[in-house]
N, C-alpha and C. Protein backbone atom coordinates (compact mmCIF):
# COMPACT_ATOMS: atom_id res chain seq x y z
N MET A 1 -0.35 -4.31 15.17
CA MET A 1 0.28 -3.69 14.02
C MET A 1 -0.68 -2.66 13.44
N ASP A 2 -0.22 -1.46 13.29
CA ASP A 2 -1.03 -0.39 12.72
C ASP A 2 -0.49 -0.07 11.34
N ILE A 3 -1.20 -0.54 10.32
CA ILE A 3 -0.75 -0.40 8.94
C ILE A 3 -0.60 1.07 8.57
N ILE A 4 -1.51 1.90 9.01
CA ILE A 4 -1.49 3.32 8.66
C ILE A 4 -0.24 3.97 9.22
N THR A 5 0.06 3.75 10.49
CA THR A 5 1.25 4.33 11.12
C THR A 5 2.52 3.79 10.48
N ASP A 6 2.57 2.48 10.25
CA ASP A 6 3.74 1.87 9.63
C ASP A 6 3.98 2.43 8.24
N ARG A 7 2.91 2.57 7.46
CA ARG A 7 3.05 3.08 6.10
C ARG A 7 3.51 4.54 6.12
N ALA A 8 2.96 5.35 7.00
CA ALA A 8 3.35 6.75 7.09
C ALA A 8 4.83 6.88 7.45
N ALA A 9 5.30 6.07 8.37
CA ALA A 9 6.72 6.09 8.75
C ALA A 9 7.59 5.65 7.58
N PHE A 10 7.16 4.62 6.87
CA PHE A 10 7.92 4.12 5.73
C PHE A 10 8.01 5.19 4.63
N VAL A 11 6.89 5.84 4.34
CA VAL A 11 6.87 6.88 3.31
C VAL A 11 7.78 8.04 3.72
N ALA A 12 7.77 8.42 4.99
CA ALA A 12 8.63 9.51 5.47
C ALA A 12 10.10 9.17 5.32
N VAL A 13 10.46 7.94 5.64
CA VAL A 13 11.85 7.51 5.51
C VAL A 13 12.28 7.53 4.05
N LEU A 14 11.44 6.99 3.18
CA LEU A 14 11.77 6.97 1.75
C LEU A 14 11.89 8.39 1.18
N ALA A 15 10.99 9.28 1.58
CA ALA A 15 11.04 10.66 1.10
C ALA A 15 12.34 11.33 1.54
N THR A 16 12.74 11.09 2.77
CA THR A 16 13.98 11.66 3.28
C THR A 16 15.18 11.14 2.50
N MET A 17 15.18 9.84 2.23
CA MET A 17 16.26 9.23 1.46
C MET A 17 16.34 9.82 0.05
N ILE A 18 15.18 9.98 -0.60
CA ILE A 18 15.15 10.51 -1.96
C ILE A 18 15.64 11.95 -1.98
N GLU A 19 15.18 12.76 -1.02
CA GLU A 19 15.62 14.15 -0.93
C GLU A 19 17.12 14.26 -0.69
N ALA A 20 17.69 13.29 0.01
CA ALA A 20 19.13 13.30 0.30
C ALA A 20 19.94 12.72 -0.84
N GLY A 21 19.26 12.27 -1.91
CA GLY A 21 19.95 11.71 -3.06
C GLY A 21 20.40 10.28 -2.87
N GLN A 22 19.87 9.61 -1.87
CA GLN A 22 20.24 8.22 -1.61
C GLN A 22 19.41 7.28 -2.47
N THR A 23 19.93 6.09 -2.66
CA THR A 23 19.22 5.07 -3.41
C THR A 23 18.22 4.39 -2.49
N VAL A 24 17.00 4.28 -2.97
CA VAL A 24 15.95 3.61 -2.20
C VAL A 24 16.12 2.11 -2.35
N PRO A 25 16.11 1.37 -1.24
CA PRO A 25 16.30 -0.08 -1.32
C PRO A 25 15.15 -0.77 -2.05
N ALA A 26 15.48 -1.83 -2.75
CA ALA A 26 14.46 -2.61 -3.44
C ALA A 26 13.66 -3.40 -2.42
N GLY A 27 12.47 -3.78 -2.80
CA GLY A 27 11.62 -4.58 -1.92
C GLY A 27 12.21 -5.97 -1.72
N GLU A 28 11.60 -6.75 -0.86
CA GLU A 28 12.10 -8.09 -0.57
C GLU A 28 11.95 -9.04 -1.74
N GLY A 29 11.08 -8.72 -2.62
CA GLY A 29 10.89 -9.59 -3.77
C GLY A 29 10.10 -8.87 -4.84
N ARG A 30 10.37 -9.24 -6.05
CA ARG A 30 9.64 -8.64 -7.16
C ARG A 30 8.26 -9.26 -7.23
N ARG A 31 7.27 -8.44 -7.37
CA ARG A 31 5.89 -8.94 -7.46
C ARG A 31 5.68 -9.49 -8.86
N ASP A 32 5.48 -10.78 -8.93
CA ASP A 32 5.28 -11.42 -10.23
C ASP A 32 4.00 -12.24 -10.29
N GLN A 33 3.16 -12.08 -9.28
CA GLN A 33 1.87 -12.76 -9.25
C GLN A 33 0.77 -11.71 -9.34
N GLN A 34 -0.32 -12.07 -9.98
CA GLN A 34 -1.42 -11.13 -10.13
C GLN A 34 -2.72 -11.77 -9.69
N VAL A 35 -3.53 -10.99 -8.97
CA VAL A 35 -4.85 -11.42 -8.54
C VAL A 35 -5.84 -10.38 -9.05
N ASN A 36 -6.93 -10.83 -9.63
CA ASN A 36 -7.96 -9.92 -10.14
C ASN A 36 -9.24 -10.10 -9.35
N ALA A 37 -9.92 -9.00 -9.10
CA ALA A 37 -11.21 -9.05 -8.41
C ALA A 37 -12.16 -8.10 -9.12
N ARG A 38 -13.36 -8.52 -9.29
CA ARG A 38 -14.39 -7.66 -9.88
C ARG A 38 -15.11 -6.92 -8.75
N LEU A 39 -15.36 -5.65 -8.98
CA LEU A 39 -16.04 -4.80 -8.00
C LEU A 39 -17.29 -4.22 -8.61
N THR A 40 -18.27 -3.92 -7.76
CA THR A 40 -19.46 -3.23 -8.24
C THR A 40 -19.12 -1.76 -8.44
N SER A 41 -20.02 -1.04 -9.08
CA SER A 41 -19.80 0.39 -9.31
C SER A 41 -19.79 1.17 -7.99
N ASP A 42 -20.32 0.60 -6.93
CA ASP A 42 -20.25 1.23 -5.60
C ASP A 42 -18.97 0.86 -4.86
N GLU A 43 -18.53 -0.38 -5.01
CA GLU A 43 -17.35 -0.86 -4.28
C GLU A 43 -16.07 -0.17 -4.73
N GLY A 44 -15.93 0.08 -6.03
CA GLY A 44 -14.71 0.71 -6.54
C GLY A 44 -14.42 2.05 -5.89
N PRO A 45 -15.35 3.00 -5.98
CA PRO A 45 -15.11 4.30 -5.34
C PRO A 45 -14.96 4.22 -3.82
N THR A 46 -15.67 3.29 -3.20
CA THR A 46 -15.56 3.12 -1.75
C THR A 46 -14.15 2.70 -1.37
N LEU A 47 -13.59 1.72 -2.09
CA LEU A 47 -12.22 1.27 -1.80
C LEU A 47 -11.20 2.34 -2.17
N GLU A 48 -11.42 3.04 -3.26
CA GLU A 48 -10.50 4.11 -3.67
C GLU A 48 -10.43 5.19 -2.60
N THR A 49 -11.57 5.61 -2.08
CA THR A 49 -11.62 6.61 -1.02
C THR A 49 -10.93 6.12 0.24
N ALA A 50 -11.22 4.89 0.64
CA ALA A 50 -10.60 4.32 1.84
C ALA A 50 -9.08 4.24 1.67
N ALA A 51 -8.63 3.86 0.49
CA ALA A 51 -7.19 3.75 0.23
C ALA A 51 -6.52 5.12 0.35
N ARG A 52 -7.08 6.11 -0.29
CA ARG A 52 -6.48 7.46 -0.27
C ARG A 52 -6.49 8.05 1.15
N GLN A 53 -7.58 7.84 1.88
CA GLN A 53 -7.66 8.37 3.25
C GLN A 53 -6.60 7.75 4.15
N ARG A 54 -6.18 6.56 3.83
CA ARG A 54 -5.18 5.87 4.65
C ARG A 54 -3.77 6.01 4.10
N GLY A 55 -3.61 6.83 3.06
CA GLY A 55 -2.27 7.12 2.55
C GLY A 55 -1.75 6.17 1.50
N PHE A 56 -2.60 5.32 0.96
CA PHE A 56 -2.17 4.39 -0.07
C PHE A 56 -2.28 5.05 -1.44
N ALA A 57 -1.43 4.61 -2.36
CA ALA A 57 -1.43 5.18 -3.71
C ALA A 57 -2.68 4.81 -4.48
N GLY A 58 -3.27 3.69 -4.16
CA GLY A 58 -4.46 3.26 -4.88
C GLY A 58 -5.05 2.01 -4.26
N ILE A 59 -6.05 1.48 -4.93
CA ILE A 59 -6.76 0.31 -4.42
C ILE A 59 -5.84 -0.90 -4.27
N SER A 60 -4.97 -1.14 -5.23
CA SER A 60 -4.11 -2.33 -5.19
C SER A 60 -3.26 -2.38 -3.93
N ASP A 61 -2.59 -1.28 -3.61
CA ASP A 61 -1.75 -1.23 -2.41
C ASP A 61 -2.58 -1.45 -1.15
N PHE A 62 -3.74 -0.82 -1.12
CA PHE A 62 -4.63 -0.92 0.03
C PHE A 62 -5.13 -2.35 0.22
N VAL A 63 -5.63 -2.94 -0.85
CA VAL A 63 -6.18 -4.30 -0.77
C VAL A 63 -5.06 -5.29 -0.43
N ARG A 64 -3.87 -5.12 -1.02
CA ARG A 64 -2.73 -6.01 -0.72
C ARG A 64 -2.38 -5.94 0.76
N ALA A 65 -2.27 -4.73 1.31
CA ALA A 65 -1.91 -4.57 2.72
C ALA A 65 -2.98 -5.16 3.64
N ALA A 66 -4.24 -4.91 3.32
CA ALA A 66 -5.33 -5.45 4.14
C ALA A 66 -5.39 -6.96 4.07
N ALA A 67 -5.22 -7.51 2.89
CA ALA A 67 -5.27 -8.97 2.73
C ALA A 67 -4.10 -9.64 3.44
N LEU A 68 -2.91 -9.07 3.31
CA LEU A 68 -1.75 -9.67 3.98
C LEU A 68 -1.86 -9.55 5.51
N ALA A 69 -2.36 -8.41 5.98
CA ALA A 69 -2.56 -8.26 7.44
C ALA A 69 -3.57 -9.28 7.94
N GLY A 70 -4.63 -9.49 7.19
CA GLY A 70 -5.63 -10.48 7.57
C GLY A 70 -5.10 -11.89 7.51
N ALA A 71 -4.27 -12.17 6.53
CA ALA A 71 -3.71 -13.51 6.38
C ALA A 71 -2.72 -13.84 7.49
N LYS A 72 -2.04 -12.81 8.00
CA LYS A 72 -1.03 -13.01 9.05
C LYS A 72 -1.64 -12.99 10.45
N ALA A 73 -2.90 -12.56 10.55
CA ALA A 73 -3.54 -12.43 11.86
C ALA A 73 -3.88 -13.78 12.46
């Protein structure tokens, strides 16, 4: 499973749907759980850069995808 390729394809499909005026489908479930992690002043920018380079909106999306991929491996 290539998260980067999958995410890029997903974003392209959603963008096409939005441009066509279609309704974007809701996710499989509403996120109602929260996890907090403390980062050092070096870790924050490192994760932010890695997230953006891989097409994620921010650290949360990136960390969620990486953690879920690791948990399913």
